[in-house]
Structure formats: C-alpha cells, structure tokens
Amino acid sequence: VSGALGSAAANVTSYPLDLVCTRLQTRHAKDKQGIVTAYLTLKQIVEKNGVAGLYTGLETDTAATLLSK
C-alpha cells in the first residue's frame, strides 16, 4: 500500500511535465525546439485552461498507477 501511495504522490508531482512531454511528442519533428518550446507549450496550456489544465487526465493516470502497484 505504501508503495502505491508513494507512486501516486510522485505521479501528481510530475504529471504537468509528463503532459508537456506528451504534447511535444505528438508534434511534427520540425516543431520540437527544446526547452523554449516546452515552456511555450506549458504557457499555452495554462492560458487556455488555467492551472487545472496541467492536471487534465490525472485521475485516470493515477488510478492506473495505483492498480499497477
């Protein structure tokens, strides 16, 4: 149980970065420019959806993490 809860806590902490990475990976190769593009993607998510937008899909991902542990 403690391992599952620790994994869930780590998931909540790192989820916004995972979301940005996923968004960048779905772009065309020429659009991937590094840290600047990552920052702009993060900014775009916050401007469009607010800070809560950084956690879109967190419930499902955390549930999957809990079940796998």
PDB file of N, CA and C in Angstrom:
ATOM      1  N   VAL A   1       0.835  -1.193   0.000  1.00  0.00           N
ATOM      2  CA  VAL A   1       0.000   0.000   0.000  1.00  0.00           C
ATOM      3  C   VAL A   1       0.870   1.244   0.000  1.00  0.00           C
ATOM      4  N   SER A   2       1.931   1.242   0.809  1.00  0.00           N
ATOM      5  CA  SER A   2       2.781   2.432   0.871  1.00  0.00           C
ATOM      6  C   SER A   2       3.481   2.686  -0.464  1.00  0.00           C
ATOM      7  N   GLY A   3       3.843   1.645  -1.173  1.00  0.00           N
ATOM      8  CA  GLY A   3       4.460   1.807  -2.488  1.00  0.00           C
ATOM      9  C   GLY A   3       3.494   2.413  -3.491  1.00  0.00           C
ATOM     10  N   ALA A   4       2.246   1.986  -3.433  1.00  0.00           N
ATOM     11  CA  ALA A   4       1.220   2.522  -4.334  1.00  0.00           C
ATOM     12  C   ALA A   4       0.963   3.992  -4.030  1.00  0.00           C
ATOM     13  N   LEU A   5       0.887   4.340  -2.749  1.00  0.00           N
ATOM     14  CA  LEU A   5       0.650   5.740  -2.383  1.00  0.00           C
ATOM     15  C   LEU A   5       1.839   6.621  -2.742  1.00  0.00           C
ATOM     16  N   GLY A   6       3.040   6.100  -2.570  1.00  0.00           N
ATOM     17  CA  GLY A   6       4.237   6.841  -2.966  1.00  0.00           C
ATOM     18  C   GLY A   6       4.277   7.073  -4.466  1.00  0.00           C
ATOM     19  N   SER A   7       3.905   6.059  -5.220  1.00  0.00           N
ATOM     20  CA  SER A   7       3.858   6.195  -6.681  1.00  0.00           C
ATOM     21  C   SER A   7       2.800   7.208  -7.102  1.00  0.00           C
ATOM     22  N   ALA A   8       1.670   7.206  -6.426  1.00  0.00           N
ATOM     23  CA  ALA A   8       0.611   8.161  -6.734  1.00  0.00           C
ATOM     24  C   ALA A   8       1.068   9.590  -6.433  1.00  0.00           C
ATOM     25  N   ALA A   9       1.767   9.770  -5.322  1.00  0.00           N
ATOM     26  CA  ALA A   9       2.276  11.099  -4.971  1.00  0.00           C
ATOM     27  C   ALA A   9       3.300  11.582  -5.991  1.00  0.00           C
ATOM     28  N   ALA A  10       4.162  10.698  -6.420  1.00  0.00           N
ATOM     29  CA  ALA A  10       5.154  11.059  -7.435  1.00  0.00           C
ATOM     30  C   ALA A  10       4.470  11.391  -8.757  1.00  0.00           C
ATOM     31  N   ASN A  11       3.416  10.668  -9.079  1.00  0.00           N
ATOM     32  CA  ASN A  11       2.663  10.911 -10.303  1.00  0.00           C
ATOM     33  C   ASN A  11       2.037  12.309 -10.279  1.00  0.00           C
ATOM     34  N   VAL A  12       1.449  12.685  -9.156  1.00  0.00           N
ATOM     35  CA  VAL A  12       0.825  14.008  -9.028  1.00  0.00           C
ATOM     36  C   VAL A  12       1.873  15.104  -9.175  1.00  0.00           C
ATOM     37  N   THR A  13       3.040  14.883  -8.631  1.00  0.00           N
ATOM     38  CA  THR A  13       4.105  15.879  -8.681  1.00  0.00           C
ATOM     39  C   THR A  13       4.644  16.080 -10.092  1.00  0.00           C
ATOM     40  N   SER A  14       4.833  15.006 -10.811  1.00  0.00           N
ATOM     41  CA  SER A  14       5.480  15.102 -12.120  1.00  0.00           C
ATOM     42  C   SER A  14       4.512  15.162 -13.293  1.00  0.00           C
ATOM     43  N   TYR A  15       3.208  15.077 -13.043  1.00  0.00           N
ATOM     44  CA  TYR A  15       2.231  14.988 -14.122  1.00  0.00           C
ATOM     45  C   TYR A  15       2.279  16.162 -15.098  1.00  0.00           C
ATOM     46  N   PRO A  16       2.389  17.416 -14.646  1.00  0.00           N
ATOM     47  CA  PRO A  16       2.452  18.516 -15.620  1.00  0.00           C
ATOM     48  C   PRO A  16       3.619  18.382 -16.604  1.00  0.00           C
ATOM     49  N   LEU A  17       4.746  17.919 -16.143  1.00  0.00           N
ATOM     50  CA  LEU A  17       5.892  17.728 -17.037  1.00  0.00           C
ATOM     51  C   LEU A  17       5.633  16.597 -18.020  1.00  0.00           C
ATOM     52  N   ASP A  18       4.991  15.537 -17.556  1.00  0.00           N
ATOM     53  CA  ASP A  18       4.636  14.434 -18.451  1.00  0.00           C
ATOM     54  C   ASP A  18       3.650  14.896 -19.518  1.00  0.00           C
ATOM     55  N   LEU A  19       2.711  15.749 -19.122  1.00  0.00           N
ATOM     56  CA  LEU A  19       1.728  16.269 -20.069  1.00  0.00           C
ATOM     57  C   LEU A  19       2.414  17.095 -21.158  1.00  0.00           C
ATOM     58  N   VAL A  20       3.334  17.960 -20.759  1.00  0.00           N
ATOM     59  CA  VAL A  20       4.068  18.775 -21.736  1.00  0.00           C
ATOM     60  C   VAL A  20       4.888  17.882 -22.658  1.00  0.00           C
ATOM     61  N   CYS A  21       5.558  16.884 -22.111  1.00  0.00           N
ATOM     62  CA  CYS A  21       6.348  15.960 -22.937  1.00  0.00           C
ATOM     63  C   CYS A  21       5.467  15.240 -23.948  1.00  0.00           C
ATOM     64  N   THR A  22       4.297  14.798 -23.526  1.00  0.00           N
ATOM     65  CA  THR A  22       3.378  14.113 -24.431  1.00  0.00           C
ATOM     66  C   THR A  22       2.925  15.047 -25.543  1.00  0.00           C
ATOM     67  N   ARG A  23       2.606  16.272 -25.193  1.00  0.00           N
ATOM     68  CA  ARG A  23       2.193  17.242 -26.217  1.00  0.00           C
ATOM     69  C   ARG A  23       3.315  17.495 -27.215  1.00  0.00           C
ATOM     70  N   LEU A  24       4.539  17.598 -26.724  1.00  0.00           N
ATOM     71  CA  LEU A  24       5.672  17.829 -27.629  1.00  0.00           C
ATOM     72  C   LEU A  24       5.935  16.626 -28.522  1.00  0.00           C
ATOM     73  N   GLN A  25       5.742  15.430 -27.997  1.00  0.00           N
ATOM     74  CA  GLN A  25       5.989  14.220 -28.772  1.00  0.00           C
ATOM     75  C   GLN A  25       4.972  14.024 -29.890  1.00  0.00           C
ATOM     76  N   THR A  26       3.806  14.637 -29.756  1.00  0.00           N
ATOM     77  CA  THR A  26       2.800  14.486 -30.794  1.00  0.00           C
ATOM     78  C   THR A  26       2.920  15.535 -31.895  1.00  0.00           C
ATOM     79  N   ARG A  27       3.876  16.433 -31.787  1.00  0.00           N
ATOM     80  CA  ARG A  27       4.110  17.440 -32.820  1.00  0.00           C
ATOM     81  C   ARG A  27       5.023  16.882 -33.896  1.00  0.00           C
ATOM     82  N   HIS A  28       5.067  17.596 -35.007  1.00  0.00           N
ATOM     83  CA  HIS A  28       5.990  17.220 -36.081  1.00  0.00           C
ATOM     84  C   HIS A  28       7.420  17.452 -35.616  1.00  0.00           C
ATOM     85  N   ALA A  29       8.346  16.690 -36.142  1.00  0.00           N
ATOM     86  CA  ALA A  29       9.745  16.756 -35.716  1.00  0.00           C
ATOM     87  C   ALA A  29      10.321  18.160 -35.858  1.00  0.00           C
ATOM     88  N   LYS A  30       9.923  18.902 -36.897  1.00  0.00           N
ATOM     89  CA  LYS A  30      10.499  20.235 -37.102  1.00  0.00           C
ATOM     90  C   LYS A  30      10.012  21.243 -36.062  1.00  0.00           C
ATOM     91  N   ASP A  31       8.898  20.927 -35.368  1.00  0.00           N
ATOM     92  CA  ASP A  31       8.352  21.836 -34.364  1.00  0.00           C
ATOM     93  C   ASP A  31       8.988  21.652 -32.987  1.00  0.00           C
ATOM     94  N   LYS A  32       9.777  20.608 -32.800  1.00  0.00           N
ATOM     95  CA  LYS A  32      10.396  20.347 -31.499  1.00  0.00           C
ATOM     96  C   LYS A  32      11.683  21.158 -31.396  1.00  0.00           C
ATOM     97  N   GLN A  33      11.666  22.180 -30.550  1.00  0.00           N
ATOM     98  CA  GLN A  33      12.809  23.077 -30.451  1.00  0.00           C
ATOM     99  C   GLN A  33      13.500  23.045 -29.092  1.00  0.00           C
ATOM    100  N   GLY A  34      13.064  22.220 -28.179  1.00  0.00           N
ATOM    101  CA  GLY A  34      13.734  22.121 -26.890  1.00  0.00           C
ATOM    102  C   GLY A  34      12.991  22.827 -25.773  1.00  0.00           C
ATOM    103  N   ILE A  35      13.756  23.377 -24.837  1.00  0.00           N
ATOM    104  CA  ILE A  35      13.201  23.935 -23.603  1.00  0.00           C
ATOM    105  C   ILE A  35      12.294  25.135 -23.873  1.00  0.00           C
ATOM    106  N   VAL A  36      12.606  25.925 -24.887  1.00  0.00           N
ATOM    107  CA  VAL A  36      11.773  27.087 -25.206  1.00  0.00           C
ATOM    108  C   VAL A  36      10.395  26.629 -25.657  1.00  0.00           C
ATOM    109  N   THR A  37      10.344  25.632 -26.516  1.00  0.00           N
ATOM    110  CA  THR A  37       9.069  25.099 -26.977  1.00  0.00           C
ATOM    111  C   THR A  37       8.307  24.460 -25.826  1.00  0.00           C
ATOM    112  N   ALA A  38       9.006  23.793 -24.923  1.00  0.00           N
ATOM    113  CA  ALA A  38       8.358  23.198 -23.754  1.00  0.00           C
ATOM    114  C   ALA A  38       7.735  24.285 -22.884  1.00  0.00           C
ATOM    115  N   TYR A  39       8.463  25.370 -22.681  1.00  0.00           N
ATOM    116  CA  TYR A  39       7.938  26.493 -21.889  1.00  0.00           C
ATOM    117  C   TYR A  39       6.706  27.102 -22.557  1.00  0.00           C
ATOM    118  N   LEU A  40       6.775  27.302 -23.865  1.00  0.00           N
ATOM    119  CA  LEU A  40       5.648  27.880 -24.594  1.00  0.00           C
ATOM    120  C   LEU A  40       4.430  26.964 -24.555  1.00  0.00           C
ATOM    121  N   THR A  41       4.658  25.663 -24.617  1.00  0.00           N
ATOM    122  CA  THR A  41       3.562  24.697 -24.525  1.00  0.00           C
ATOM    123  C   THR A  41       2.923  24.760 -23.146  1.00  0.00           C
ATOM    124  N   LEU A  42       3.741  24.813 -22.121  1.00  0.00           N
ATOM    125  CA  LEU A  42       3.249  24.926 -20.747  1.00  0.00           C
ATOM    126  C   LEU A  42       2.440  26.209 -20.581  1.00  0.00           C
ATOM    127  N   LYS A  43       2.957  27.304 -21.093  1.00  0.00           N
ATOM    128  CA  LYS A  43       2.275  28.591 -21.012  1.00  0.00           C
ATOM    129  C   LYS A  43       0.943  28.554 -21.761  1.00  0.00           C
ATOM    130  N   GLN A  44       0.939  27.919 -22.915  1.00  0.00           N
ATOM    131  CA  GLN A  44      -0.286  27.812 -23.715  1.00  0.00           C
ATOM    132  C   GLN A  44      -1.364  27.020 -22.981  1.00  0.00           C
ATOM    133  N   ILE A  45      -0.977  25.937 -22.334  1.00  0.00           N
ATOM    134  CA  ILE A  45      -1.935  25.126 -21.577  1.00  0.00           C
ATOM    135  C   ILE A  45      -2.544  25.943 -20.446  1.00  0.00           C
ATOM    136  N   VAL A  46      -1.705  26.684 -19.721  1.00  0.00           N
ATOM    137  CA  VAL A  46      -2.191  27.484 -18.592  1.00  0.00           C
ATOM    138  C   VAL A  46      -3.078  28.622 -19.083  1.00  0.00           C
ATOM    139  N   GLU A  47      -2.705  29.268 -20.171  1.00  0.00           N
ATOM    140  CA  GLU A  47      -3.526  30.366 -20.693  1.00  0.00           C
ATOM    141  C   GLU A  47      -4.886  29.880 -21.191  1.00  0.00           C
ATOM    142  N   LYS A  48      -4.904  28.716 -21.810  1.00  0.00           N
ATOM    143  CA  LYS A  48      -6.144  28.194 -22.383  1.00  0.00           C
ATOM    144  C   LYS A  48      -7.062  27.579 -21.334  1.00  0.00           C
ATOM    145  N   ASN A  49      -6.499  26.813 -20.396  1.00  0.00           N
ATOM    146  CA  ASN A  49      -7.303  26.039 -19.447  1.00  0.00           C
ATOM    147  C   ASN A  49      -7.063  26.382 -17.985  1.00  0.00           C
ATOM    148  N   GLY A  50      -6.187  27.305 -17.693  1.00  0.00           N
ATOM    149  CA  GLY A  50      -5.830  27.607 -16.309  1.00  0.00           C
ATOM    150  C   GLY A  50      -4.868  26.555 -15.769  1.00  0.00           C
ATOM    151  N   VAL A  51      -4.510  26.706 -14.532  1.00  0.00           N
ATOM    152  CA  VAL A  51      -3.573  25.769 -13.903  1.00  0.00           C
ATOM    153  C   VAL A  51      -4.167  24.361 -13.859  1.00  0.00           C
ATOM    154  N   ALA A  52      -5.481  24.264 -13.741  1.00  0.00           N
ATOM    155  CA  ALA A  52      -6.144  22.955 -13.719  1.00  0.00           C
ATOM    156  C   ALA A  52      -5.901  22.192 -15.015  1.00  0.00           C
ATOM    157  N   GLY A  53      -5.642  22.904 -16.101  1.00  0.00           N
ATOM    158  CA  GLY A  53      -5.357  22.258 -17.384  1.00  0.00           C
ATOM    159  C   GLY A  53      -4.095  21.419 -17.354  1.00  0.00           C
ATOM    160  N   LEU A  54      -3.186  21.735 -16.441  1.00  0.00           N
ATOM    161  CA  LEU A  54      -1.954  20.952 -16.314  1.00  0.00           C
ATOM    162  C   LEU A  54      -2.213  19.572 -15.724  1.00  0.00           C
ATOM    163  N   TYR A  55      -3.394  19.397 -15.152  1.00  0.00           N
ATOM    164  CA  TYR A  55      -3.722  18.133 -14.496  1.00  0.00           C
ATOM    165  C   TYR A  55      -4.852  17.389 -15.203  1.00  0.00           C
ATOM    166  N   THR A  56      -5.116  17.739 -16.463  1.00  0.00           N
ATOM    167  CA  THR A  56      -6.135  17.050 -17.238  1.00  0.00           C
ATOM    168  C   THR A  56      -5.724  15.592 -17.442  1.00  0.00           C
ATOM    169  N   GLY A  57      -6.555  14.674 -17.020  1.00  0.00           N
ATOM    170  CA  GLY A  57      -6.262  13.253 -17.158  1.00  0.00           C
ATOM    171  C   GLY A  57      -5.526  12.649 -15.977  1.00  0.00           C
ATOM    172  N   LEU A  58      -5.273  13.445 -14.948  1.00  0.00           N
ATOM    173  CA  LEU A  58      -4.525  12.966 -13.785  1.00  0.00           C
ATOM    174  C   LEU A  58      -5.238  11.825 -13.066  1.00  0.00           C
ATOM    175  N   GLU A  59      -6.560  11.922 -12.959  1.00  0.00           N
ATOM    176  CA  GLU A  59      -7.308  10.895 -12.221  1.00  0.00           C
ATOM    177  C   GLU A  59      -7.116   9.515 -12.843  1.00  0.00           C
ATOM    178  N   THR A  60      -7.254   9.458 -14.153  1.00  0.00           N
ATOM    179  CA  THR A  60      -7.118   8.175 -14.851  1.00  0.00           C
ATOM    180  C   THR A  60      -5.698   7.641 -14.741  1.00  0.00           C
ATOM    181  N   ASP A  61      -4.722   8.506 -14.916  1.00  0.00           N
ATOM    182  CA  ASP A  61      -3.322   8.087 -14.853  1.00  0.00           C
ATOM    183  C   ASP A  61      -2.947   7.621 -13.448  1.00  0.00           C
ATOM    184  N   THR A  62      -3.414   8.327 -12.440  1.00  0.00           N
ATOM    185  CA  THR A  62      -3.120   7.936 -11.058  1.00  0.00           C
ATOM    186  C   THR A  62      -3.815   6.623 -10.703  1.00  0.00           C
ATOM    187  N   ALA A  63      -5.045   6.448 -11.161  1.00  0.00           N
ATOM    188  CA  ALA A  63      -5.746   5.181 -10.923  1.00  0.00           C
ATOM    189  C   ALA A  63      -4.996   4.015 -11.548  1.00  0.00           C
ATOM    190  N   ALA A  64      -4.494   4.210 -12.764  1.00  0.00           N
ATOM    191  CA  ALA A  64      -3.717   3.161 -13.423  1.00  0.00           C
ATOM    192  C   ALA A  64      -2.440   2.864 -12.650  1.00  0.00           C
ATOM    193  N   THR A  65      -1.807   3.896 -12.115  1.00  0.00           N
ATOM    194  CA  THR A  65      -0.585   3.712 -11.313  1.00  0.00           C
ATOM    195  C   THR A  65      -0.895   2.922 -10.043  1.00  0.00           C
ATOM    196  N   LEU A  66      -1.982   3.288  -9.374  1.00  0.00           N
ATOM    197  CA  LEU A  66      -2.361   2.575  -8.148  1.00  0.00           C
ATOM    198  C   LEU A  66      -2.654   1.105  -8.422  1.00  0.00           C
ATOM    199  N   LEU A  67      -3.376   0.846  -9.494  1.00  0.00           N
ATOM    200  CA  LEU A  67      -3.716  -0.545  -9.822  1.00  0.00           C
ATOM    201  C   LEU A  67      -2.488  -1.362 -10.220  1.00  0.00           C
ATOM    202  N   SER A  68      -1.546  -0.728 -10.870  1.00  0.00           N
ATOM    203  CA  SER A  68      -0.358  -1.480 -11.316  1.00  0.00           C
ATOM    204  C   SER A  68       0.589  -1.807 -10.146  1.00  0.00           C
ATOM    205  N   LYS A  69       0.485  -1.058  -9.072  1.00  0.00           N
ATOM    206  CA  LYS A  69       1.369  -1.306  -7.926  1.00  0.00           C
ATOM    207  C   LYS A  69       0.724  -2.276  -6.969  1.00  0.00           C
TER     208      LYS A  69
END
